[in-house]
Amino acid sequence: MERTINLLDDLAQRVERYLQEHPGETCDRVVAKALESKLTQKNLAPLLALAGIVTEAPHNASDHTEDKNAFIREC
């Protein structure tokens, strides 16, 4: 499928610079990779909601070094 896109001057210059530094790449391939990445981003909302369930947790692992020692003895 063929599409025409308009880029801001700054972005167009950055793309041109990238293409000069990466002669094996094409503008089509760069745009396709960027779109693929954007369109397949993971939805982290469920994970962040799960993380919000924890209301009390130590801020520093050194707060509970006794847990570490107990774990080492069990192994």
N, C-alpha and C. Protein backbone atom coordinates (compact mmCIF):
# COMPACT_ATOMS: atom_id res chain seq x y z
N MET A 1 0.85 -1.17 0.00
CA MET A 1 0.00 0.00 0.00
C MET A 1 0.90 1.24 0.00
N GLU A 2 0.57 2.18 -0.80
CA GLU A 2 1.36 3.40 -0.88
C GLU A 2 0.64 4.52 -0.15
N ARG A 3 1.39 5.26 0.68
CA ARG A 3 0.85 6.38 1.46
C ARG A 3 1.81 7.55 1.35
N THR A 4 1.27 8.74 1.48
CA THR A 4 2.09 9.95 1.54
C THR A 4 2.01 10.48 2.96
N ILE A 5 3.16 10.77 3.56
CA ILE A 5 3.16 11.33 4.91
C ILE A 5 3.93 12.66 4.90
N ASN A 6 3.54 13.54 5.79
CA ASN A 6 4.23 14.82 5.94
C ASN A 6 4.95 14.81 7.28
N LEU A 7 6.23 15.14 7.26
CA LEU A 7 7.04 15.17 8.48
C LEU A 7 7.42 16.61 8.79
N LEU A 8 7.50 16.91 10.07
CA LEU A 8 8.03 18.20 10.48
C LEU A 8 9.48 18.28 10.01
N ASP A 9 9.93 19.49 9.73
CA ASP A 9 11.29 19.66 9.19
C ASP A 9 12.35 19.00 10.07
N ASP A 10 12.23 19.20 11.39
CA ASP A 10 13.23 18.63 12.31
C ASP A 10 13.26 17.11 12.21
N LEU A 11 12.09 16.50 12.18
CA LEU A 11 12.02 15.04 12.09
C LEU A 11 12.55 14.55 10.74
N ALA A 12 12.20 15.25 9.69
CA ALA A 12 12.69 14.87 8.36
C ALA A 12 14.22 14.94 8.30
N GLN A 13 14.80 15.96 8.93
CA GLN A 13 16.26 16.08 8.96
C GLN A 13 16.88 14.94 9.76
N ARG A 14 16.24 14.57 10.85
CA ARG A 14 16.75 13.46 11.66
C ARG A 14 16.69 12.16 10.89
N VAL A 15 15.62 11.96 10.14
CA VAL A 15 15.50 10.75 9.31
C VAL A 15 16.60 10.74 8.25
N GLU A 16 16.80 11.86 7.60
CA GLU A 16 17.85 11.94 6.57
C GLU A 16 19.22 11.64 7.16
N ARG A 17 19.50 12.21 8.34
CA ARG A 17 20.79 11.95 9.01
C ARG A 17 20.93 10.47 9.34
N TYR A 18 19.86 9.88 9.84
CA TYR A 18 19.87 8.45 10.17
C TYR A 18 20.17 7.62 8.93
N LEU A 19 19.51 7.95 7.84
CA LEU A 19 19.70 7.19 6.60
C LEU A 19 21.12 7.34 6.06
N GLN A 20 21.72 8.50 6.25
CA GLN A 20 23.11 8.69 5.83
C GLN A 20 24.06 7.84 6.68
N GLU A 21 23.73 7.72 7.97
CA GLU A 21 24.57 6.94 8.88
C GLU A 21 24.33 5.45 8.75
N HIS A 22 23.22 5.06 8.17
CA HIS A 22 22.84 3.65 8.00
C HIS A 22 22.48 3.40 6.54
N PRO A 23 23.48 3.31 5.67
CA PRO A 23 23.21 3.21 4.23
C PRO A 23 22.40 1.97 3.82
N GLY A 24 22.34 0.96 4.64
CA GLY A 24 21.56 -0.23 4.30
C GLY A 24 20.07 -0.06 4.56
N GLU A 25 19.69 1.01 5.23
CA GLU A 25 18.28 1.25 5.57
C GLU A 25 17.62 2.10 4.49
N THR A 26 16.31 2.00 4.42
CA THR A 26 15.53 2.86 3.53
C THR A 26 14.51 3.62 4.37
N CYS A 27 14.03 4.71 3.84
CA CYS A 27 13.01 5.49 4.54
C CYS A 27 11.77 4.62 4.80
N ASP A 28 11.37 3.85 3.81
CA ASP A 28 10.21 2.97 3.97
C ASP A 28 10.40 2.01 5.14
N ARG A 29 11.59 1.41 5.22
CA ARG A 29 11.86 0.44 6.27
C ARG A 29 11.87 1.11 7.65
N VAL A 30 12.46 2.30 7.75
CA VAL A 30 12.51 3.02 9.02
C VAL A 30 11.10 3.36 9.49
N VAL A 31 10.28 3.87 8.59
CA VAL A 31 8.90 4.22 8.95
C VAL A 31 8.12 2.97 9.33
N ALA A 32 8.28 1.89 8.58
CA ALA A 32 7.57 0.65 8.89
C ALA A 32 7.96 0.12 10.27
N LYS A 33 9.27 0.15 10.59
CA LYS A 33 9.72 -0.31 11.91
C LYS A 33 9.14 0.55 13.02
N ALA A 34 9.14 1.86 12.81
CA ALA A 34 8.61 2.78 13.83
C ALA A 34 7.11 2.54 14.04
N LEU A 35 6.38 2.38 12.96
CA LEU A 35 4.94 2.12 13.08
C LEU A 35 4.67 0.77 13.74
N GLU A 36 5.42 -0.23 13.35
CA GLU A 36 5.25 -1.56 13.95
C GLU A 36 5.49 -1.51 15.45
N SER A 37 6.54 -0.82 15.84
CA SER A 37 6.86 -0.68 17.26
C SER A 37 5.74 0.04 18.00
N LYS A 38 5.26 1.11 17.45
CA LYS A 38 4.20 1.90 18.09
C LYS A 38 2.90 1.11 18.18
N LEU A 39 2.58 0.39 17.14
CA LEU A 39 1.29 -0.31 17.09
C LEU A 39 1.29 -1.61 17.88
N THR A 40 2.45 -2.12 18.26
CA THR A 40 2.50 -3.38 19.02
C THR A 40 2.98 -3.17 20.45
N GLN A 41 2.98 -1.93 20.93
CA GLN A 41 3.39 -1.69 22.31
C GLN A 41 2.47 -2.44 23.26
N LYS A 42 3.07 -2.96 24.30
CA LYS A 42 2.31 -3.70 25.29
C LYS A 42 1.46 -2.74 26.12
N ASN A 43 0.27 -3.17 26.46
CA ASN A 43 -0.58 -2.39 27.34
C ASN A 43 -0.19 -2.74 28.77
N LEU A 44 0.48 -1.82 29.45
CA LEU A 44 0.98 -2.08 30.80
C LEU A 44 -0.05 -1.75 31.89
N ALA A 45 -1.22 -1.28 31.52
CA ALA A 45 -2.22 -0.88 32.50
C ALA A 45 -2.56 -2.01 33.48
N PRO A 46 -2.81 -3.26 33.01
CA PRO A 46 -3.12 -4.32 33.97
C PRO A 46 -1.98 -4.59 34.95
N LEU A 47 -0.75 -4.54 34.48
CA LEU A 47 0.39 -4.76 35.35
C LEU A 47 0.52 -3.64 36.37
N LEU A 48 0.33 -2.41 35.94
CA LEU A 48 0.40 -1.28 36.85
C LEU A 48 -0.73 -1.33 37.87
N ALA A 49 -1.90 -1.77 37.46
CA ALA A 49 -3.00 -1.92 38.40
C ALA A 49 -2.67 -2.97 39.45
N LEU A 50 -2.07 -4.07 39.03
CA LEU A 50 -1.67 -5.12 39.95
C LEU A 50 -0.63 -4.59 40.93
N ALA A 51 0.32 -3.81 40.44
CA ALA A 51 1.34 -3.24 41.31
C ALA A 51 0.71 -2.32 42.34
N GLY A 52 -0.40 -1.70 42.01
CA GLY A 52 -1.08 -0.81 42.95
C GLY A 52 -1.73 -1.54 44.11
N ILE A 53 -1.85 -2.86 44.02
CA ILE A 53 -2.45 -3.65 45.10
C ILE A 53 -1.55 -3.65 46.33
N VAL A 54 -0.25 -3.60 46.13
CA VAL A 54 0.70 -3.62 47.24
C VAL A 54 0.66 -2.26 47.91
N THR A 55 0.18 -2.24 49.16
CA THR A 55 0.07 -0.96 49.86
C THR A 55 1.21 -0.73 50.83
N GLU A 56 1.81 -1.81 51.33
CA GLU A 56 2.94 -1.67 52.25
C GLU A 56 4.06 -2.59 51.80
N ALA A 57 5.19 -2.01 51.54
CA ALA A 57 6.36 -2.78 51.14
C ALA A 57 7.59 -2.02 51.60
N PRO A 58 8.67 -2.74 51.94
CA PRO A 58 9.88 -2.04 52.36
C PRO A 58 10.42 -1.19 51.20
N HIS A 59 10.93 -0.04 51.56
CA HIS A 59 11.50 0.84 50.54
C HIS A 59 12.92 0.43 50.20
N ASN A 60 13.52 -0.34 51.08
CA ASN A 60 14.92 -0.70 50.89
C ASN A 60 15.08 -2.15 51.29
N ALA A 61 15.71 -2.93 50.48
CA ALA A 61 15.89 -4.36 50.78
C ALA A 61 16.67 -4.57 52.06
N SER A 62 17.53 -3.62 52.43
CA SER A 62 18.32 -3.78 53.65
C SER A 62 17.45 -3.71 54.90
N ASP A 63 16.19 -3.26 54.76
CA ASP A 63 15.28 -3.21 55.90
C ASP A 63 14.96 -4.61 56.41
N HIS A 64 15.11 -5.61 55.57
CA HIS A 64 14.75 -6.98 55.95
C HIS A 64 15.87 -7.96 55.60
N THR A 65 17.06 -7.65 56.03
CA THR A 65 18.18 -8.54 55.74
C THR A 65 18.02 -9.89 56.43
N GLU A 66 17.25 -9.91 57.52
CA GLU A 66 17.03 -11.19 58.20
C GLU A 66 16.31 -12.18 57.30
N ASP A 67 15.45 -11.69 56.42
CA ASP A 67 14.77 -12.57 55.46
C ASP A 67 15.78 -13.20 54.52
N LYS A 68 16.76 -12.43 54.10
CA LYS A 68 17.79 -12.94 53.21
C LYS A 68 18.57 -14.05 53.89
N ASN A 69 18.95 -13.83 55.15
CA ASN A 69 19.71 -14.84 55.89
C ASN A 69 18.90 -16.12 56.08
N ALA A 70 17.62 -16.00 56.34
CA ALA A 70 16.76 -17.18 56.51
C ALA A 70 16.68 -17.95 55.20
N PHE A 71 16.58 -17.25 54.09
CA PHE A 71 16.50 -17.90 52.79
C PHE A 71 17.79 -18.64 52.48
N ILE A 72 18.91 -18.05 52.80
CA ILE A 72 20.20 -18.68 52.52
C ILE A 72 20.34 -19.96 53.33
N ARG A 73 19.90 -19.95 54.59
CA ARG A 73 19.99 -21.15 55.43
C ARG A 73 19.10 -22.27 54.88
N GLU A 74 17.95 -21.93 54.30
CA GLU A 74 17.04 -22.94 53.76
C GLU A 74 17.63 -23.63 52.54
N CYS A 75 18.42 -22.94 51.77
CA CYS A 75 18.98 -23.52 50.54
C CYS A 75 20.09 -24.43 50.91
